[in-house]
Amino acid sequence: MKTVENAKMMDLSVKKMNYIKSYCRIVPGRVLLNRDVYFESGNEPFVMHDFFSAIYGRLKIEYRKFYKMDALSKLGFLASELVLDGIDRELHKEYLGIALFNRSASLEADRKYQQTIQDKNNFFPSPSDFVYTLPNIVTGEISIRNKIYGETAFYVIPAFQSDILCGAIENMIRFADMKYVLAGWIDVDAFSGAFSCMMALCETEGHDTNGTNDAETSQTYFAKRSSLMLPLNVDIMEDLWEKT
């Protein structure tokens, strides 16, 4: 006869398959979505915020708060719009989590805010700049836009590492009971203006969302969309990162 403890141990020993449902890659002048070129810009000189505005225009959405965001939040917002295309934005999503990484934290917004307080003779602290002086604000922007109520996290590490990213996704699925995880790397260099982004929507199999089966949950969250369903592993994540 199985005890409760044995049942729990057996459950933890089962390795569920996790998949990459969709992904995007954003680098200066170029946007990839699920292996295809979604947008390109050859404008010279290259201006980061102009490029972000051009992507926003290409998306054909109306979300005025976008123009108030700092560069990091704009980059994360644009990537999430691409990856979550077709999502039901009005549905509360308790089983969708967010795990994002970068190396510069919110330094671009920090420097901008610093300029408003460093001169005592020209002291004009800006609340609209201050609000973005935490890197995890981007997870909040994405959550508000898409009514995401699952686990969220933002990690600052020295460089993109596919093994750490995959580990964070798997931990969020296994221990935070997430069915989907929106994960990736979004970084804006405050000094050079360089930026890089890779975001993926990941999904696990065999997850019972409080009595609702996987197919029903998938159709509810993501109506009218196709899926890549690439196996989630370090090699594939590294390959997606290298595609520019």
C-alpha atoms as a PDB file:
ATOM      1  CA  MET A   1       0.000   0.000   0.000  1.00  0.00           C
ATOM      2  CA  LYS A   2       1.429   3.381  -1.030  1.00  0.00           C
ATOM      3  CA  THR A   3       1.900   5.997   1.647  1.00  0.00           C
ATOM      4  CA  VAL A   4       1.424   9.712   1.034  1.00  0.00           C
ATOM      5  CA  GLU A   5       5.177  10.213   1.400  1.00  0.00           C
ATOM      6  CA  ASN A   6       5.959   7.515  -1.161  1.00  0.00           C
ATOM      7  CA  ALA A   7       3.423   8.966  -3.562  1.00  0.00           C
ATOM      8  CA  LYS A   8       5.054  12.384  -3.284  1.00  0.00           C
ATOM      9  CA  MET A   9       8.495  10.905  -3.881  1.00  0.00           C
ATOM     10  CA  MET A  10       7.245   9.033  -6.945  1.00  0.00           C
ATOM     11  CA  ASP A  11       5.636  12.200  -8.285  1.00  0.00           C
ATOM     12  CA  LEU A  12       8.874  14.187  -7.929  1.00  0.00           C
ATOM     13  CA  SER A  13      10.836  11.435  -9.666  1.00  0.00           C
ATOM     14  CA  VAL A  14       8.745  11.684 -12.839  1.00  0.00           C
ATOM     15  CA  LYS A  15      10.488  13.834 -15.422  1.00  0.00           C
ATOM     16  CA  LYS A  16       7.980  15.762 -17.491  1.00  0.00           C
ATOM     17  CA  MET A  17       8.850  17.003 -20.948  1.00  0.00           C
ATOM     18  CA  ASN A  18       9.095  20.765 -21.305  1.00  0.00           C
ATOM     19  CA  TYR A  19       8.870  22.562 -24.635  1.00  0.00           C
ATOM     20  CA  ILE A  20       9.574  25.907 -26.263  1.00  0.00           C
ATOM     21  CA  LYS A  21       6.238  26.974 -27.718  1.00  0.00           C
ATOM     22  CA  SER A  22       7.494  30.154 -29.439  1.00  0.00           C
ATOM     23  CA  TYR A  23      10.464  32.509 -29.256  1.00  0.00           C
ATOM     24  CA  CYS A  24      11.816  35.790 -30.553  1.00  0.00           C
ATOM     25  CA  ARG A  25      15.247  37.389 -30.865  1.00  0.00           C
ATOM     26  CA  ILE A  26      15.719  41.175 -30.961  1.00  0.00           C
ATOM     27  CA  VAL A  27      19.080  42.736 -31.817  1.00  0.00           C
ATOM     28  CA  PRO A  28      19.910  46.167 -33.298  1.00  0.00           C
ATOM     29  CA  GLY A  29      18.166  46.445 -36.672  1.00  0.00           C
ATOM     30  CA  ARG A  30      16.630  42.974 -36.716  1.00  0.00           C
ATOM     31  CA  VAL A  31      13.790  40.959 -35.153  1.00  0.00           C
ATOM     32  CA  LEU A  32      13.377  37.198 -35.521  1.00  0.00           C
ATOM     33  CA  LEU A  33      10.145  35.415 -34.603  1.00  0.00           C
ATOM     34  CA  ASN A  34      10.030  31.614 -34.656  1.00  0.00           C
ATOM     35  CA  ARG A  35      12.960  31.279 -37.109  1.00  0.00           C
ATOM     36  CA  ASP A  36      11.611  33.942 -39.513  1.00  0.00           C
ATOM     37  CA  VAL A  37      12.608  37.574 -39.972  1.00  0.00           C
ATOM     38  CA  TYR A  38       9.747  39.618 -38.526  1.00  0.00           C
ATOM     39  CA  PHE A  39      11.197  43.095 -38.938  1.00  0.00           C
ATOM     40  CA  GLU A  40      14.363  44.788 -40.204  1.00  0.00           C
ATOM     41  CA  SER A  41      15.532  48.367 -40.138  1.00  0.00           C
ATOM     42  CA  GLY A  42      18.493  49.830 -41.977  1.00  0.00           C
ATOM     43  CA  ASN A  43      18.085  53.361 -40.666  1.00  0.00           C
ATOM     44  CA  GLU A  44      21.335  55.270 -40.169  1.00  0.00           C
ATOM     45  CA  PRO A  45      22.345  56.465 -37.715  1.00  0.00           C
ATOM     46  CA  PHE A  46      20.770  53.707 -35.637  1.00  0.00           C
ATOM     47  CA  VAL A  47      18.743  55.047 -32.695  1.00  0.00           C
ATOM     48  CA  MET A  48      17.572  52.479 -30.164  1.00  0.00           C
ATOM     49  CA  HIS A  49      14.308  54.148 -29.121  1.00  0.00           C
ATOM     50  CA  ASP A  50      13.391  54.844 -32.771  1.00  0.00           C
ATOM     51  CA  PHE A  51      13.944  51.164 -33.534  1.00  0.00           C
ATOM     52  CA  PHE A  52      11.713  50.152 -30.615  1.00  0.00           C
ATOM     53  CA  SER A  53       9.015  52.554 -31.829  1.00  0.00           C
ATOM     54  CA  ALA A  54       9.249  51.075 -35.333  1.00  0.00           C
ATOM     55  CA  ILE A  55       8.697  47.555 -33.945  1.00  0.00           C
ATOM     56  CA  TYR A  56       5.766  48.855 -31.918  1.00  0.00           C
ATOM     57  CA  GLY A  57       4.289  50.317 -35.101  1.00  0.00           C
ATOM     58  CA  ARG A  58       4.788  47.035 -36.927  1.00  0.00           C
ATOM     59  CA  LEU A  59       2.815  45.237 -34.191  1.00  0.00           C
ATOM     60  CA  LYS A  60      -0.210  47.470 -34.876  1.00  0.00           C
ATOM     61  CA  ILE A  61      -1.320  47.652 -31.254  1.00  0.00           C
ATOM     62  CA  GLU A  62      -2.657  50.485 -29.101  1.00  0.00           C
ATOM     63  CA  TYR A  63      -0.951  50.664 -25.706  1.00  0.00           C
ATOM     64  CA  ARG A  64      -0.040  54.257 -24.924  1.00  0.00           C
ATOM     65  CA  LYS A  65       1.865  53.372 -21.759  1.00  0.00           C
ATOM     66  CA  PHE A  66       4.588  51.991 -24.045  1.00  0.00           C
ATOM     67  CA  TYR A  67       5.893  55.493 -24.749  1.00  0.00           C
ATOM     68  CA  LYS A  68       6.389  56.175 -21.023  1.00  0.00           C
ATOM     69  CA  MET A  69       8.515  53.061 -20.450  1.00  0.00           C
ATOM     70  CA  ASP A  70      12.280  52.973 -20.063  1.00  0.00           C
ATOM     71  CA  ALA A  71      14.343  51.122 -22.676  1.00  0.00           C
ATOM     72  CA  LEU A  72      14.478  47.848 -20.714  1.00  0.00           C
ATOM     73  CA  SER A  73      10.711  47.727 -20.253  1.00  0.00           C
ATOM     74  CA  LYS A  74      10.124  48.640 -23.897  1.00  0.00           C
ATOM     75  CA  LEU A  75      12.398  45.810 -25.021  1.00  0.00           C
ATOM     76  CA  GLY A  76      10.746  43.257 -22.744  1.00  0.00           C
ATOM     77  CA  PHE A  77       7.269  44.486 -23.659  1.00  0.00           C
ATOM     78  CA  LEU A  78       7.933  44.197 -27.394  1.00  0.00           C
ATOM     79  CA  ALA A  79       9.385  40.698 -27.037  1.00  0.00           C
ATOM     80  CA  SER A  80       6.420  39.552 -24.957  1.00  0.00           C
ATOM     81  CA  GLU A  81       3.965  40.967 -27.506  1.00  0.00           C
ATOM     82  CA  LEU A  82       5.648  38.903 -30.208  1.00  0.00           C
ATOM     83  CA  VAL A  83       5.898  35.680 -28.222  1.00  0.00           C
ATOM     84  CA  LEU A  84       2.419  35.903 -26.685  1.00  0.00           C
ATOM     85  CA  ASP A  85       0.670  36.783 -29.937  1.00  0.00           C
ATOM     86  CA  GLY A  86      -2.856  35.367 -29.900  1.00  0.00           C
ATOM     87  CA  ILE A  87      -3.147  35.212 -26.104  1.00  0.00           C
ATOM     88  CA  ASP A  88      -6.474  36.018 -24.438  1.00  0.00           C
ATOM     89  CA  ARG A  89      -5.372  39.172 -22.592  1.00  0.00           C
ATOM     90  CA  GLU A  90      -8.553  39.429 -20.519  1.00  0.00           C
ATOM     91  CA  LEU A  91      -8.240  35.980 -18.943  1.00  0.00           C
ATOM     92  CA  HIS A  92      -6.504  35.790 -15.544  1.00  0.00           C
ATOM     93  CA  LYS A  93      -3.456  33.541 -15.918  1.00  0.00           C
ATOM     94  CA  GLU A  94      -2.460  31.940 -12.628  1.00  0.00           C
ATOM     95  CA  TYR A  95      -0.409  29.234 -14.332  1.00  0.00           C
ATOM     96  CA  LEU A  96       1.792  31.495 -16.469  1.00  0.00           C
ATOM     97  CA  GLY A  97       5.069  32.596 -14.867  1.00  0.00           C
ATOM     98  CA  ILE A  98       7.858  34.988 -15.920  1.00  0.00           C
ATOM     99  CA  ALA A  99      11.612  34.468 -15.477  1.00  0.00           C
ATOM    100  CA  LEU A 100      13.897  37.112 -16.995  1.00  0.00           C
ATOM    101  CA  PHE A 101      17.653  37.705 -16.865  1.00  0.00           C
ATOM    102  CA  ASN A 102      20.211  40.360 -17.725  1.00  0.00           C
ATOM    103  CA  ARG A 103      23.619  41.710 -16.723  1.00  0.00           C
ATOM    104  CA  SER A 104      22.973  45.457 -16.460  1.00  0.00           C
ATOM    105  CA  ALA A 105      19.917  45.400 -14.167  1.00  0.00           C
ATOM    106  CA  SER A 106      18.160  48.790 -14.530  1.00  0.00           C
ATOM    107  CA  LEU A 107      21.359  50.797 -15.016  1.00  0.00           C
ATOM    108  CA  GLU A 108      20.048  52.661 -18.066  1.00  0.00           C
ATOM    109  CA  ALA A 109      17.092  53.984 -16.045  1.00  0.00           C
ATOM    110  CA  ASP A 110      19.336  54.546 -13.002  1.00  0.00           C
ATOM    111  CA  ARG A 111      21.647  56.842 -14.976  1.00  0.00           C
ATOM    112  CA  LYS A 112      18.718  58.771 -16.388  1.00  0.00           C
ATOM    113  CA  TYR A 113      17.283  59.320 -12.906  1.00  0.00           C
ATOM    114  CA  GLN A 114      20.713  60.217 -11.505  1.00  0.00           C
ATOM    115  CA  GLN A 115      20.878  63.128 -13.923  1.00  0.00           C
ATOM    116  CA  THR A 116      17.813  64.664 -12.257  1.00  0.00           C
ATOM    117  CA  ILE A 117      19.300  64.668  -8.730  1.00  0.00           C
ATOM    118  CA  GLN A 118      23.074  65.079  -9.038  1.00  0.00           C
ATOM    119  CA  ASP A 119      23.128  68.899  -9.316  1.00  0.00           C
ATOM    120  CA  LYS A 120      21.811  70.630  -6.182  1.00  0.00           C
ATOM    121  CA  ASN A 121      21.253  73.801  -8.197  1.00  0.00           C
ATOM    122  CA  ASN A 122      19.203  71.945 -10.775  1.00  0.00           C
ATOM    123  CA  PHE A 123      17.469  69.363  -8.584  1.00  0.00           C
ATOM    124  CA  PHE A 124      14.335  67.955 -10.186  1.00  0.00           C
ATOM    125  CA  PRO A 125      13.697  64.329  -9.128  1.00  0.00           C
ATOM    126  CA  SER A 126      11.483  62.654 -11.719  1.00  0.00           C
ATOM    127  CA  PRO A 127       8.960  60.109 -10.361  1.00  0.00           C
ATOM    128  CA  SER A 128       8.358  58.862 -13.912  1.00  0.00           C
ATOM    129  CA  ASP A 129      12.072  57.990 -14.194  1.00  0.00           C
ATOM    130  CA  PHE A 130      12.421  56.708 -10.634  1.00  0.00           C
ATOM    131  CA  VAL A 131       9.697  54.083 -11.077  1.00  0.00           C
ATOM    132  CA  TYR A 132      11.908  52.199 -13.570  1.00  0.00           C
ATOM    133  CA  THR A 133      14.987  52.022 -11.323  1.00  0.00           C
ATOM    134  CA  LEU A 134      14.313  48.358 -10.549  1.00  0.00           C
ATOM    135  CA  PRO A 135      14.853  45.754 -13.293  1.00  0.00           C
ATOM    136  CA  ASN A 136      11.843  43.674 -12.284  1.00  0.00           C
ATOM    137  CA  ILE A 137       9.505  46.514 -13.276  1.00  0.00           C
ATOM    138  CA  VAL A 138       9.507  44.981 -16.763  1.00  0.00           C
ATOM    139  CA  THR A 139       7.937  41.786 -15.383  1.00  0.00           C
ATOM    140  CA  GLY A 140       5.220  43.957 -13.865  1.00  0.00           C
ATOM    141  CA  GLU A 141       4.591  45.739 -17.161  1.00  0.00           C
ATOM    142  CA  ILE A 142       4.206  42.404 -18.962  1.00  0.00           C
ATOM    143  CA  SER A 143       2.002  40.987 -16.192  1.00  0.00           C
ATOM    144  CA  ILE A 144      -0.321  44.007 -16.186  1.00  0.00           C
ATOM    145  CA  ARG A 145      -0.681  43.944 -19.959  1.00  0.00           C
ATOM    146  CA  ASN A 146      -1.513  40.221 -20.046  1.00  0.00           C
ATOM    147  CA  LYS A 147      -3.175  39.684 -16.630  1.00  0.00           C
ATOM    148  CA  ILE A 148      -0.449  37.264 -15.540  1.00  0.00           C
ATOM    149  CA  TYR A 149      -0.820  36.192 -11.898  1.00  0.00           C
ATOM    150  CA  GLY A 150       1.792  33.433 -11.789  1.00  0.00           C
ATOM    151  CA  GLU A 151       5.288  33.419 -10.318  1.00  0.00           C
ATOM    152  CA  THR A 152       7.623  36.171 -11.562  1.00  0.00           C
ATOM    153  CA  ALA A 153      11.376  36.634 -11.111  1.00  0.00           C
ATOM    154  CA  PHE A 154      14.196  38.767 -12.468  1.00  0.00           C
ATOM    155  CA  TYR A 155      17.824  37.640 -12.120  1.00  0.00           C
ATOM    156  CA  VAL A 156      21.015  39.626 -12.715  1.00  0.00           C
ATOM    157  CA  ILE A 157      23.971  37.477 -13.831  1.00  0.00           C
ATOM    158  CA  PRO A 158      27.268  38.275 -15.613  1.00  0.00           C
ATOM    159  CA  ALA A 159      26.301  36.889 -19.041  1.00  0.00           C
ATOM    160  CA  PHE A 160      23.691  34.849 -20.889  1.00  0.00           C
ATOM    161  CA  GLN A 161      23.912  31.207 -19.817  1.00  0.00           C
ATOM    162  CA  SER A 162      21.465  28.767 -21.357  1.00  0.00           C
ATOM    163  CA  ASP A 163      21.890  26.230 -18.542  1.00  0.00           C
ATOM    164  CA  ILE A 164      20.890  28.780 -15.881  1.00  0.00           C
ATOM    165  CA  LEU A 165      17.933  29.933 -17.981  1.00  0.00           C
ATOM    166  CA  CYS A 166      16.701  26.375 -18.542  1.00  0.00           C
ATOM    167  CA  GLY A 167      17.172  25.597 -14.854  1.00  0.00           C
ATOM    168  CA  ALA A 168      15.081  28.593 -13.809  1.00  0.00           C
ATOM    169  CA  ILE A 169      12.293  27.586 -16.204  1.00  0.00           C
ATOM    170  CA  GLU A 170      12.265  23.991 -14.968  1.00  0.00           C
ATOM    171  CA  ASN A 171      12.287  25.069 -11.313  1.00  0.00           C
ATOM    172  CA  MET A 172       9.369  27.417 -11.880  1.00  0.00           C
ATOM    173  CA  ILE A 173       7.416  24.642 -13.568  1.00  0.00           C
ATOM    174  CA  ARG A 174       8.275  22.006 -10.995  1.00  0.00           C
ATOM    175  CA  PHE A 175       8.204  23.912  -7.724  1.00  0.00           C
ATOM    176  CA  ALA A 176       5.952  26.912  -8.437  1.00  0.00           C
ATOM    177  CA  ASP A 177       3.391  24.780 -10.297  1.00  0.00           C
ATOM    178  CA  MET A 178       3.530  26.847 -13.482  1.00  0.00           C
ATOM    179  CA  LYS A 179       2.117  25.406 -16.682  1.00  0.00           C
ATOM    180  CA  TYR A 180       3.775  28.043 -18.883  1.00  0.00           C
ATOM    181  CA  VAL A 181       6.869  30.196 -18.358  1.00  0.00           C
ATOM    182  CA  LEU A 182       7.756  33.308 -20.335  1.00  0.00           C
ATOM    183  CA  ALA A 183      11.532  33.421 -20.017  1.00  0.00           C
ATOM    184  CA  GLY A 184      14.555  35.034 -21.548  1.00  0.00           C
ATOM    185  CA  TRP A 185      17.353  37.570 -21.585  1.00  0.00           C
ATOM    186  CA  ILE A 186      16.717  41.313 -21.972  1.00  0.00           C
ATOM    187  CA  ASP A 187      19.664  43.643 -21.525  1.00  0.00           C
ATOM    188  CA  VAL A 188      20.312  47.312 -22.300  1.00  0.00           C
ATOM    189  CA  ASP A 189      23.845  48.675 -21.917  1.00  0.00           C
ATOM    190  CA  ALA A 190      23.582  52.065 -20.230  1.00  0.00           C
ATOM    191  CA  PHE A 191      26.920  53.279 -21.572  1.00  0.00           C
ATOM    192  CA  SER A 192      27.040  52.093 -25.176  1.00  0.00           C
ATOM    193  CA  GLY A 193      23.302  51.924 -25.877  1.00  0.00           C
ATOM    194  CA  ALA A 194      23.714  48.344 -27.112  1.00  0.00           C
ATOM    195  CA  PHE A 195      20.944  45.885 -26.344  1.00  0.00           C
ATOM    196  CA  SER A 196      20.065  42.245 -26.813  1.00  0.00           C
ATOM    197  CA  CYS A 197      16.958  40.180 -26.239  1.00  0.00           C
ATOM    198  CA  MET A 198      15.868  36.569 -26.532  1.00  0.00           C
ATOM    199  CA  MET A 199      12.502  35.550 -25.129  1.00  0.00           C
ATOM    200  CA  ALA A 200      10.713  32.206 -25.237  1.00  0.00           C
ATOM    201  CA  LEU A 201       7.344  30.898 -24.142  1.00  0.00           C
ATOM    202  CA  CYS A 202       7.841  27.481 -22.563  1.00  0.00           C
ATOM    203  CA  GLU A 203       5.270  24.856 -21.708  1.00  0.00           C
ATOM    204  CA  THR A 204       5.202  21.638 -19.711  1.00  0.00           C
ATOM    205  CA  GLU A 205       3.218  18.499 -20.420  1.00  0.00           C
ATOM    206  CA  GLY A 206       0.906  16.576 -18.151  1.00  0.00           C
ATOM    207  CA  HIS A 207       0.025  19.468 -15.828  1.00  0.00           C
ATOM    208  CA  ASP A 208      -3.365  19.386 -14.106  1.00  0.00           C
ATOM    209  CA  THR A 209      -4.469  23.017 -13.775  1.00  0.00           C
ATOM    210  CA  ASN A 210      -6.971  22.521 -10.962  1.00  0.00           C
ATOM    211  CA  GLY A 211      -9.026  19.997 -12.871  1.00  0.00           C
ATOM    212  CA  THR A 212      -8.558  21.492 -16.339  1.00  0.00           C
ATOM    213  CA  ASN A 213      -6.630  19.393 -18.821  1.00  0.00           C
ATOM    214  CA  ASP A 214      -3.674  20.680 -20.857  1.00  0.00           C
ATOM    215  CA  ALA A 215      -5.542  20.983 -24.148  1.00  0.00           C
ATOM    216  CA  GLU A 216      -8.294  23.089 -22.587  1.00  0.00           C
ATOM    217  CA  THR A 217      -5.792  25.374 -20.840  1.00  0.00           C
ATOM    218  CA  SER A 218      -3.733  25.814 -23.999  1.00  0.00           C
ATOM    219  CA  GLN A 219      -6.763  26.679 -26.110  1.00  0.00           C
ATOM    220  CA  THR A 220      -8.042  29.099 -23.466  1.00  0.00           C
ATOM    221  CA  TYR A 221      -4.765  30.972 -23.015  1.00  0.00           C
ATOM    222  CA  PHE A 222      -3.548  30.841 -26.595  1.00  0.00           C
ATOM    223  CA  ALA A 223      -6.385  30.677 -29.075  1.00  0.00           C
ATOM    224  CA  LYS A 224      -5.599  30.947 -32.791  1.00  0.00           C
ATOM    225  CA  ARG A 225      -1.855  30.340 -32.718  1.00  0.00           C
ATOM    226  CA  SER A 226       0.599  27.744 -33.986  1.00  0.00           C
ATOM    227  CA  SER A 227       3.363  26.255 -31.862  1.00  0.00           C
ATOM    228  CA  LEU A 228       6.976  25.274 -32.464  1.00  0.00           C
ATOM    229  CA  MET A 229       7.092  22.743 -29.604  1.00  0.00           C
ATOM    230  CA  LEU A 230      10.881  22.482 -29.535  1.00  0.00           C
ATOM    231  CA  PRO A 231      12.257  20.382 -26.654  1.00  0.00           C
ATOM    232  CA  LEU A 232      13.503  22.626 -23.863  1.00  0.00           C
ATOM    233  CA  ASN A 233      17.187  21.905 -23.335  1.00  0.00           C
ATOM    234  CA  VAL A 234      20.489  23.739 -23.079  1.00  0.00           C
ATOM    235  CA  ASP A 235      21.621  23.045 -26.657  1.00  0.00           C
ATOM    236  CA  ILE A 236      18.423  24.302 -28.275  1.00  0.00           C
ATOM    237  CA  MET A 237      18.300  27.370 -26.029  1.00  0.00           C
ATOM    238  CA  GLU A 238      21.904  28.154 -26.952  1.00  0.00           C
ATOM    239  CA  ASP A 239      21.082  27.733 -30.638  1.00  0.00           C
ATOM    240  CA  LEU A 240      18.164  30.168 -30.393  1.00  0.00           C
ATOM    241  CA  TRP A 241      20.416  32.679 -28.629  1.00  0.00           C
ATOM    242  CA  GLU A 242      23.013  32.497 -31.415  1.00  0.00           C
ATOM    243  CA  LYS A 243      20.448  33.110 -34.178  1.00  0.00           C
ATOM    244  CA  THR A 244      20.592  36.772 -35.225  1.00  0.00           C
END
